[in-house]
C-alpha atoms as a PDB file:
ATOM      1  CA  UNK A   1      34.546  13.185  51.235  1.00  0.00           C
ATOM      2  CA  UNK A   2      33.326  16.559  50.003  1.00  0.00           C
ATOM      3  CA  UNK A   3      35.647  16.634  47.090  1.00  0.00           C
ATOM      4  CA  UNK A   4      34.549  13.102  45.956  1.00  0.00           C
ATOM      5  CA  UNK A   5      30.885  14.348  46.227  1.00  0.00           C
ATOM      6  CA  UNK A   6      31.689  17.553  44.264  1.00  0.00           C
ATOM      7  CA  UNK A   7      33.422  15.252  41.408  1.00  0.00           C
ATOM      8  CA  UNK A   8      30.513  12.974  41.143  1.00  0.00           C
ATOM      9  CA  UNK A   9      28.022  15.741  40.951  1.00  0.00           C
ATOM     10  CA  UNK A  10      30.147  17.697  38.282  1.00  0.00           C
ATOM     11  CA  UNK A  11      30.329  14.114  36.271  1.00  0.00           C
ATOM     12  CA  UNK A  12      26.346  13.972  36.681  1.00  0.00           C
ATOM     13  CA  UNK A  13      26.028  17.492  35.332  1.00  0.00           C
ATOM     14  CA  UNK A  14      28.387  16.918  32.322  1.00  0.00           C
ATOM     15  CA  UNK A  15      26.481  13.583  31.450  1.00  0.00           C
ATOM     16  CA  UNK A  16      23.238  15.395  31.690  1.00  0.00           C
ATOM     17  CA  UNK A  17      24.420  18.266  29.717  1.00  0.00           C
ATOM     18  CA  UNK A  18      25.918  15.835  26.867  1.00  0.00           C
ATOM     19  CA  UNK A  19      22.472  14.003  27.105  1.00  0.00           C
ATOM     20  CA  UNK A  20      20.391  17.307  26.429  1.00  0.00           C
ATOM     21  CA  UNK A  21      23.008  18.358  23.709  1.00  0.00           C
ATOM     22  CA  UNK A  22      22.603  15.164  21.914  1.00  0.00           C
ATOM     23  CA  UNK A  23      18.943  15.001  22.280  1.00  0.00           C
ATOM     24  CA  UNK A  24      18.481  18.514  20.630  1.00  0.00           C
ATOM     25  CA  UNK A  25      20.856  17.482  17.981  1.00  0.00           C
ATOM     26  CA  UNK A  26      18.879  14.421  17.171  1.00  0.00           C
ATOM     27  CA  UNK A  27      15.653  16.083  17.227  1.00  0.00           C
ATOM     28  CA  UNK A  28      16.957  18.749  14.983  1.00  0.00           C
ATOM     29  CA  UNK A  29      18.169  16.465  12.584  1.00  0.00           C
ATOM     30  CA  UNK A  30      15.049  14.362  12.523  1.00  0.00           C
ATOM     31  CA  UNK A  31      13.049  17.763  11.861  1.00  0.00           C
ATOM     32  CA  UNK A  32      15.278  18.827   9.284  1.00  0.00           C
ATOM     33  CA  UNK A  33      15.297  15.805   7.542  1.00  0.00           C
ATOM     34  CA  UNK A  34      11.662  15.059   7.506  1.00  0.00           C
ATOM     35  CA  UNK A  35      10.651  17.140   4.226  1.00  0.00           C
ATOM     36  CA  UNK A  36      13.622  14.947   2.535  1.00  0.00           C
ATOM     37  CA  UNK A  37      12.263  11.824   4.052  1.00  0.00           C
ATOM     38  CA  UNK A  38       8.668  12.514   2.603  1.00  0.00           C
ATOM     39  CA  UNK A  39      10.074  13.361  -0.683  1.00  0.00           C
ATOM     40  CA  UNK A  40      12.092  10.051  -0.956  1.00  0.00           C
ATOM     41  CA  UNK A  41       9.180   8.122   0.180  1.00  0.00           C
ATOM     42  CA  UNK A  42       6.825   9.773  -2.382  1.00  0.00           C
ATOM     43  CA  UNK A  43       9.394   8.901  -4.999  1.00  0.00           C
ATOM     44  CA  UNK A  44       9.738   5.258  -4.122  1.00  0.00           C
ATOM     45  CA  UNK A  45       5.812   5.100  -4.287  1.00  0.00           C
ATOM     46  CA  UNK A  46       5.586   6.452  -7.743  1.00  0.00           C
ATOM     47  CA  UNK A  47       8.224   3.788  -8.743  1.00  0.00           C
ATOM     48  CA  UNK A  48       5.930   1.287  -7.130  1.00  0.00           C
ATOM     49  CA  UNK A  49       2.868   2.658  -9.077  1.00  0.00           C
ATOM     50  CA  UNK A  50       4.635   2.694 -12.320  1.00  0.00           C
ATOM     51  CA  UNK A  51       5.963  -0.851 -11.738  1.00  0.00           C
ATOM     52  CA  UNK A  52       2.439  -2.263 -10.939  1.00  0.00           C
ATOM     53  CA  UNK A  53       1.191  -1.074 -14.398  1.00  0.00           C
ATOM     54  CA  UNK A  54       4.199  -1.892 -16.355  1.00  0.00           C
ATOM     55  CA  UNK A  55       5.702   1.565 -16.983  1.00  0.00           C
ATOM     56  CA  UNK A  56       8.790   1.385 -15.029  1.00  0.00           C
ATOM     57  CA  UNK A  57      11.762   0.557 -17.133  1.00  0.00           C
ATOM     58  CA  UNK A  58      15.594   0.972 -16.502  1.00  0.00           C
ATOM     59  CA  UNK A  59      15.833   4.244 -17.967  1.00  0.00           C
ATOM     60  CA  UNK A  60      12.524   5.545 -16.810  1.00  0.00           C
ATOM     61  CA  UNK A  61      12.515   9.196 -15.698  1.00  0.00           C
ATOM     62  CA  UNK A  62      10.269   8.552 -12.746  1.00  0.00           C
ATOM     63  CA  UNK A  63       9.074  11.992 -11.920  1.00  0.00           C
ATOM     64  CA  UNK A  64       8.350  12.679 -15.696  1.00  0.00           C
ATOM     65  CA  UNK A  65       6.639   9.453 -16.395  1.00  0.00           C
ATOM     66  CA  UNK A  66       4.507   9.669 -13.104  1.00  0.00           C
ATOM     67  CA  UNK A  67       3.542  13.040 -13.987  1.00  0.00           C
ATOM     68  CA  UNK A  68       2.335  12.152 -17.520  1.00  0.00           C
ATOM     69  CA  UNK A  69       0.633   9.024 -16.840  1.00  0.00           C
ATOM     70  CA  UNK A  70      -0.752   9.088 -13.266  1.00  0.00           C
ATOM     71  CA  UNK A  71      -3.384  11.035 -11.467  1.00  0.00           C
ATOM     72  CA  UNK A  72      -3.305  10.930  -7.767  1.00  0.00           C
ATOM     73  CA  UNK A  73      -6.131  11.441  -5.580  1.00  0.00           C
ATOM     74  CA  UNK A  74      -7.044  10.786  -1.932  1.00  0.00           C
ATOM     75  CA  UNK A  75     -10.638   9.502  -1.685  1.00  0.00           C
ATOM     76  CA  UNK A  76     -12.961   8.498   1.314  1.00  0.00           C
ATOM     77  CA  UNK A  77     -14.129   4.895   1.459  1.00  0.00           C
ATOM     78  CA  UNK A  78     -16.947   5.863   3.883  1.00  0.00           C
ATOM     79  CA  UNK A  79     -18.497   8.587   1.728  1.00  0.00           C
ATOM     80  CA  UNK A  80     -16.973   7.696  -1.681  1.00  0.00           C
ATOM     81  CA  UNK A  81     -15.812  11.348  -2.442  1.00  0.00           C
ATOM     82  CA  UNK A  82     -12.416  12.649  -3.627  1.00  0.00           C
ATOM     83  CA  UNK A  83     -10.640  14.924  -0.614  1.00  0.00           C
ATOM     84  CA  UNK A  84      -9.197  17.693  -2.844  1.00  0.00           C
ATOM     85  CA  UNK A  85      -8.318  19.534   0.633  1.00  0.00           C
ATOM     86  CA  UNK A  86      -5.658  16.734   1.296  1.00  0.00           C
ATOM     87  CA  UNK A  87      -2.239  16.790   0.108  1.00  0.00           C
ATOM     88  CA  UNK A  88      -1.493  13.718  -1.823  1.00  0.00           C
ATOM     89  CA  UNK A  89       2.297  13.884  -1.299  1.00  0.00           C
ATOM     90  CA  UNK A  90       2.394  14.281   2.450  1.00  0.00           C
ATOM     91  CA  UNK A  91      -0.730  11.595   2.870  1.00  0.00           C
ATOM     92  CA  UNK A  92       0.151   8.201   4.270  1.00  0.00           C
ATOM     93  CA  UNK A  93      -2.460   5.300   4.067  1.00  0.00           C
ATOM     94  CA  UNK A  94      -0.486   3.714   7.208  1.00  0.00           C
ATOM     95  CA  UNK A  95      -1.179   6.664   9.400  1.00  0.00           C
ATOM     96  CA  UNK A  96      -4.681   6.956   8.254  1.00  0.00           C
ATOM     97  CA  UNK A  97      -5.071   3.247   9.233  1.00  0.00           C
ATOM     98  CA  UNK A  98      -3.662   3.968  12.734  1.00  0.00           C
ATOM     99  CA  UNK A  99      -5.673   6.990  13.467  1.00  0.00           C
ATOM    100  CA  UNK A 100      -8.973   6.156  14.959  1.00  0.00           C
ATOM    101  CA  UNK A 101     -10.299   9.354  13.559  1.00  0.00           C
ATOM    102  CA  UNK A 102      -9.534   8.281   9.828  1.00  0.00           C
ATOM    103  CA  UNK A 103     -10.025   4.527  10.393  1.00  0.00           C
ATOM    104  CA  UNK A 104     -12.647   1.933  10.977  1.00  0.00           C
ATOM    105  CA  UNK A 105     -12.199  -0.823  13.377  1.00  0.00           C
ATOM    106  CA  UNK A 106     -13.262  -4.419  11.772  1.00  0.00           C
ATOM    107  CA  UNK A 107     -14.861  -7.151  13.116  1.00  0.00           C
ATOM    108  CA  UNK A 108     -13.070 -10.410  13.120  1.00  0.00           C
ATOM    109  CA  UNK A 109     -15.675 -11.995  10.704  1.00  0.00           C
ATOM    110  CA  UNK A 110     -15.239  -9.233   8.250  1.00  0.00           C
ATOM    111  CA  UNK A 111     -11.394  -9.100   8.555  1.00  0.00           C
ATOM    112  CA  UNK A 112      -9.934 -12.219   6.631  1.00  0.00           C
ATOM    113  CA  UNK A 113      -6.602 -10.217   5.769  1.00  0.00           C
ATOM    114  CA  UNK A 114      -6.037  -9.693   9.560  1.00  0.00           C
ATOM    115  CA  UNK A 115      -5.935  -6.054   9.341  1.00  0.00           C
ATOM    116  CA  UNK A 116      -7.521  -4.984  12.592  1.00  0.00           C
ATOM    117  CA  UNK A 117      -8.566  -1.525  11.236  1.00  0.00           C
ATOM    118  CA  UNK A 118      -9.243  -0.114   7.576  1.00  0.00           C
ATOM    119  CA  UNK A 119      -8.163   3.395   6.505  1.00  0.00           C
ATOM    120  CA  UNK A 120     -11.305   5.477   5.516  1.00  0.00           C
ATOM    121  CA  UNK A 121      -9.088   7.607   3.545  1.00  0.00           C
ATOM    122  CA  UNK A 122      -6.971   6.080   1.082  1.00  0.00           C
ATOM    123  CA  UNK A 123      -4.830   7.153  -2.190  1.00  0.00           C
ATOM    124  CA  UNK A 124      -5.849   5.895  -5.418  1.00  0.00           C
ATOM    125  CA  UNK A 125      -4.129   6.061  -8.882  1.00  0.00           C
ATOM    126  CA  UNK A 126      -5.682   6.700 -12.032  1.00  0.00           C
ATOM    127  CA  UNK A 127      -3.585   5.479 -14.814  1.00  0.00           C
ATOM    128  CA  UNK A 128      -3.857   7.605 -18.289  1.00  0.00           C
ATOM    129  CA  UNK A 129      -2.752   7.134 -21.974  1.00  0.00           C
ATOM    130  CA  UNK A 130      -1.111   9.732 -24.199  1.00  0.00           C
ATOM    131  CA  UNK A 131      -4.098  11.168 -25.024  1.00  0.00           C
ATOM    132  CA  UNK A 132      -5.129  11.599 -21.227  1.00  0.00           C
ATOM    133  CA  UNK A 133      -7.837   8.974 -21.266  1.00  0.00           C
ATOM    134  CA  UNK A 134      -8.194   6.994 -18.336  1.00  0.00           C
ATOM    135  CA  UNK A 135      -6.974   3.437 -18.881  1.00  0.00           C
ATOM    136  CA  UNK A 136      -6.887   1.879 -15.342  1.00  0.00           C
ATOM    137  CA  UNK A 137      -6.460   2.335 -11.746  1.00  0.00           C
ATOM    138  CA  UNK A 138      -3.866   1.171  -9.113  1.00  0.00           C
ATOM    139  CA  UNK A 139      -5.065   0.594  -5.715  1.00  0.00           C
ATOM    140  CA  UNK A 140      -3.281  -0.107  -2.022  1.00  0.00           C
ATOM    141  CA  UNK A 141      -3.580  -3.404  -0.713  1.00  0.00           C
ATOM    142  CA  UNK A 142      -2.146  -5.251   2.518  1.00  0.00           C
ATOM    143  CA  UNK A 143      -2.737  -8.048   4.622  1.00  0.00           C
ATOM    144  CA  UNK A 144      -1.257 -10.586   7.070  1.00  0.00           C
ATOM    145  CA  UNK A 145       1.372 -12.972   5.650  1.00  0.00           C
ATOM    146  CA  UNK A 146       3.205 -15.639   7.730  1.00  0.00           C
ATOM    147  CA  UNK A 147       5.760 -13.238   9.599  1.00  0.00           C
ATOM    148  CA  UNK A 148       3.963  -9.800   9.130  1.00  0.00           C
ATOM    149  CA  UNK A 149       2.062  -7.404   7.003  1.00  0.00           C
ATOM    150  CA  UNK A 150       2.377  -7.420   3.312  1.00  0.00           C
ATOM    151  CA  UNK A 151       1.985  -4.182   1.670  1.00  0.00           C
ATOM    152  CA  UNK A 152       1.234  -3.937  -2.316  1.00  0.00           C
ATOM    153  CA  UNK A 153      -0.538  -2.241  -5.189  1.00  0.00           C
ATOM    154  CA  UNK A 154      -3.119  -3.768  -7.440  1.00  0.00           C
ATOM    155  CA  UNK A 155      -3.466  -2.418 -10.788  1.00  0.00           C
ATOM    156  CA  UNK A 156      -6.636  -2.901 -12.586  1.00  0.00           C
ATOM    157  CA  UNK A 157      -7.579  -2.284 -16.431  1.00  0.00           C
ATOM    158  CA  UNK A 158     -10.299  -0.030 -17.696  1.00  0.00           C
ATOM    159  CA  UNK A 159     -13.226  -2.282 -16.488  1.00  0.00           C
ATOM    160  CA  UNK A 160     -11.790  -1.949 -12.925  1.00  0.00           C
ATOM    161  CA  UNK A 161     -11.863  -5.936 -12.791  1.00  0.00           C
ATOM    162  CA  UNK A 162      -9.185  -7.277 -15.029  1.00  0.00           C
ATOM    163  CA  UNK A 163      -5.711  -7.240 -13.384  1.00  0.00           C
ATOM    164  CA  UNK A 164      -3.236  -5.193 -14.973  1.00  0.00           C
ATOM    165  CA  UNK A 165      -0.318  -6.020 -12.622  1.00  0.00           C
ATOM    166  CA  UNK A 166       0.689  -6.589  -9.076  1.00  0.00           C
ATOM    167  CA  UNK A 167       3.591  -5.530  -6.916  1.00  0.00           C
ATOM    168  CA  UNK A 168       4.264  -6.330  -3.276  1.00  0.00           C
ATOM    169  CA  UNK A 169       6.924  -3.596  -2.295  1.00  0.00           C
ATOM    170  CA  UNK A 170       7.288  -4.662   1.601  1.00  0.00           C
ATOM    171  CA  UNK A 171       7.049  -7.930   3.115  1.00  0.00           C
ATOM    172  CA  UNK A 172       8.620  -9.855   5.873  1.00  0.00           C
ATOM    173  CA  UNK A 173       7.958 -13.308   4.091  1.00  0.00           C
ATOM    174  CA  UNK A 174      10.581 -16.144   4.073  1.00  0.00           C
ATOM    175  CA  UNK A 175      13.182 -15.689   1.179  1.00  0.00           C
ATOM    176  CA  UNK A 176      12.547 -18.524  -1.236  1.00  0.00           C
ATOM    177  CA  UNK A 177       9.302 -19.540  -0.029  1.00  0.00           C
ATOM    178  CA  UNK A 178       6.585 -16.730   0.719  1.00  0.00           C
ATOM    179  CA  UNK A 179       9.245 -14.047  -0.388  1.00  0.00           C
ATOM    180  CA  UNK A 180       8.410 -15.263  -4.010  1.00  0.00           C
ATOM    181  CA  UNK A 181       5.261 -12.861  -4.086  1.00  0.00           C
ATOM    182  CA  UNK A 182       8.161 -10.592  -5.408  1.00  0.00           C
ATOM    183  CA  UNK A 183       9.149 -13.028  -8.258  1.00  0.00           C
ATOM    184  CA  UNK A 184       8.562 -11.332 -11.408  1.00  0.00           C
ATOM    185  CA  UNK A 185       7.702 -14.816 -13.115  1.00  0.00           C
ATOM    186  CA  UNK A 186       4.878 -15.087 -10.334  1.00  0.00           C
ATOM    187  CA  UNK A 187       3.605 -11.772 -10.587  1.00  0.00           C
ATOM    188  CA  UNK A 188       3.388 -12.012 -14.413  1.00  0.00           C
ATOM    189  CA  UNK A 189       0.725 -14.925 -14.066  1.00  0.00           C
ATOM    190  CA  UNK A 190      -1.705 -12.285 -12.464  1.00  0.00           C
ATOM    191  CA  UNK A 191      -1.900 -10.397 -15.730  1.00  0.00           C
ATOM    192  CA  UNK A 192      -5.346 -10.773 -17.292  1.00  0.00           C
ATOM    193  CA  UNK A 193      -7.168 -12.556 -14.296  1.00  0.00           C
ATOM    194  CA  UNK A 194     -10.375 -11.226 -13.366  1.00  0.00           C
ATOM    195  CA  UNK A 195     -11.389 -10.331  -9.882  1.00  0.00           C
ATOM    196  CA  UNK A 196     -15.131 -10.504  -9.910  1.00  0.00           C
ATOM    197  CA  UNK A 197     -17.581 -13.195 -11.129  1.00  0.00           C
ATOM    198  CA  UNK A 198     -20.745 -12.774 -13.301  1.00  0.00           C
ATOM    199  CA  UNK A 199     -22.769 -12.047 -10.190  1.00  0.00           C
ATOM    200  CA  UNK A 200     -20.475  -9.187  -9.157  1.00  0.00           C
ATOM    201  CA  UNK A 201     -18.922 -10.951  -6.296  1.00  0.00           C
ATOM    202  CA  UNK A 202     -15.136 -11.519  -5.763  1.00  0.00           C
ATOM    203  CA  UNK A 203     -14.231 -14.732  -7.266  1.00  0.00           C
ATOM    204  CA  UNK A 204     -10.301 -14.434  -7.082  1.00  0.00           C
ATOM    205  CA  UNK A 205      -8.342 -17.103  -5.528  1.00  0.00           C
ATOM    206  CA  UNK A 206      -5.074 -18.500  -5.182  1.00  0.00           C
ATOM    207  CA  UNK A 207      -4.885 -22.189  -5.528  1.00  0.00           C
ATOM    208  CA  UNK A 208      -2.599 -25.173  -5.296  1.00  0.00           C
ATOM    209  CA  UNK A 209      -2.218 -27.605  -8.118  1.00  0.00           C
ATOM    210  CA  UNK A 210      -2.335 -25.287 -10.997  1.00  0.00           C
ATOM    211  CA  UNK A 211      -4.597 -22.215 -11.918  1.00  0.00           C
ATOM    212  CA  UNK A 212      -7.380 -23.540 -14.363  1.00  0.00           C
ATOM    213  CA  UNK A 213      -9.629 -20.309 -14.624  1.00  0.00           C
ATOM    214  CA  UNK A 214      -9.434 -16.633 -15.318  1.00  0.00           C
ATOM    215  CA  UNK A 215     -10.122 -16.005 -11.465  1.00  0.00           C
ATOM    216  CA  UNK A 216      -7.211 -18.132 -10.223  1.00  0.00           C
ATOM    217  CA  UNK A 217      -3.332 -17.736  -9.815  1.00  0.00           C
ATOM    218  CA  UNK A 218      -0.955 -20.548  -8.657  1.00  0.00           C
ATOM    219  CA  UNK A 219      -0.160 -20.872  -5.033  1.00  0.00           C
ATOM    220  CA  UNK A 220       3.390 -20.262  -3.958  1.00  0.00           C
ATOM    221  CA  UNK A 221       5.345 -23.504  -3.529  1.00  0.00           C
ATOM    222  CA  UNK A 222       5.835 -24.345   0.245  1.00  0.00           C
ATOM    223  CA  UNK A 223       4.408 -21.198   1.400  1.00  0.00           C
ATOM    224  CA  UNK A 224       0.558 -21.930   2.042  1.00  0.00           C
ATOM    225  CA  UNK A 225       0.214 -19.328   4.732  1.00  0.00           C
ATOM    226  CA  UNK A 226       1.515 -16.679   2.525  1.00  0.00           C
ATOM    227  CA  UNK A 227      -0.453 -17.705  -0.432  1.00  0.00           C
ATOM    228  CA  UNK A 228      -3.644 -17.832   1.767  1.00  0.00           C
ATOM    229  CA  UNK A 229      -2.718 -14.297   2.965  1.00  0.00           C
ATOM    230  CA  UNK A 230      -2.531 -13.070  -0.359  1.00  0.00           C
ATOM    231  CA  UNK A 231      -5.986 -14.478  -1.584  1.00  0.00           C
ATOM    232  CA  UNK A 232      -7.476 -13.080   1.690  1.00  0.00           C
ATOM    233  CA  UNK A 233      -5.938  -9.494   1.237  1.00  0.00           C
ATOM    234  CA  UNK A 234      -7.600  -9.435  -2.446  1.00  0.00           C
ATOM    235  CA  UNK A 235     -10.638 -10.724  -1.249  1.00  0.00           C
ATOM    236  CA  UNK A 236     -11.179  -8.107   1.365  1.00  0.00           C
ATOM    237  CA  UNK A 237      -9.776  -5.186  -0.332  1.00  0.00           C
ATOM    238  CA  UNK A 238     -12.068  -5.857  -3.521  1.00  0.00           C
ATOM    239  CA  UNK A 239     -15.154  -6.714  -1.569  1.00  0.00           C
ATOM    240  CA  UNK A 240     -17.815  -4.660   0.084  1.00  0.00           C
ATOM    241  CA  UNK A 241     -15.778  -3.617   3.148  1.00  0.00           C
ATOM    242  CA  UNK A 242     -12.786  -2.512   0.963  1.00  0.00           C
ATOM    243  CA  UNK A 243     -12.977  -0.835  -2.559  1.00  0.00           C
ATOM    244  CA  UNK A 244     -15.972  -2.624  -3.838  1.00  0.00           C
ATOM    245  CA  UNK A 245     -18.379   0.276  -3.382  1.00  0.00           C
ATOM    246  CA  UNK A 246     -15.658   2.669  -4.864  1.00  0.00           C
ATOM    247  CA  UNK A 247     -15.164   0.703  -7.887  1.00  0.00           C
ATOM    248  CA  UNK A 248     -19.065   0.567  -8.479  1.00  0.00           C
ATOM    249  CA  UNK A 249     -19.053   4.372  -8.237  1.00  0.00           C
ATOM    250  CA  UNK A 250     -16.011   4.631 -10.646  1.00  0.00           C
ATOM    251  CA  UNK A 251     -17.720   2.614 -13.078  1.00  0.00           C
ATOM    252  CA  UNK A 252     -20.930   4.617 -13.040  1.00  0.00           C
ATOM    253  CA  UNK A 253     -18.739   7.783 -13.194  1.00  0.00           C
ATOM    254  CA  UNK A 254     -20.502   9.181 -10.112  1.00  0.00           C
ATOM    255  CA  UNK A 255     -17.532   9.968  -7.990  1.00  0.00           C
ATOM    256  CA  UNK A 256     -17.826  13.481  -6.771  1.00  0.00           C
ATOM    257  CA  UNK A 257     -15.568  15.939  -4.470  1.00  0.00           C
ATOM    258  CA  UNK A 258     -16.420  16.031  -0.983  1.00  0.00           C
END
């Protein structure tokens, strides 16, 4: 009996030791790989930004093109200032949205996109031409689709109203239906559309039966909930609870460091 107990005890000790060693190895690997993961994530986002403004080609040197044509900054949507003390490479909009200290809980009536919280700090991307003049802006957008959150980037022309391009780089929508938000032919229909009406309010819509105005894009066939989600997320982010006040500041040239 004693031998059996001793054998069982040794087995448990070996198992526990193996678990401890494995946990140490996994933790060490995660910590060691974190800088590389952050670097790859930053590179992917650079590709997405260049894609949104039509600067990503098959032979594009992403790092070089991004450095020459894009200025990245973190801004506060609460006090409308640039946060120069925040590292733009390691900063994450998602982390900011999930942190109570850097986000605002949204009331249901002010949350058509189904976000729950809005990040108070966000990255924005100023687009420059060859002479270093600002020619546009790229903004993070997100909102609920049929099966989950749709993450994208909306590129605007110099007037901060006319759409230059859009890209949805992450989503869970149904392939062939809502998943068509990544279809280049549909994405192209956004170009030249205007977000705001003459009264300054958001007029953008995703409509069934064919877009007929400068504020409309066609709905996706067979994907009503996804199409509605896209409309709602644009209306939220470009409105008063999203980027609306920030865009007004940018038009007036009054964005300061904070």
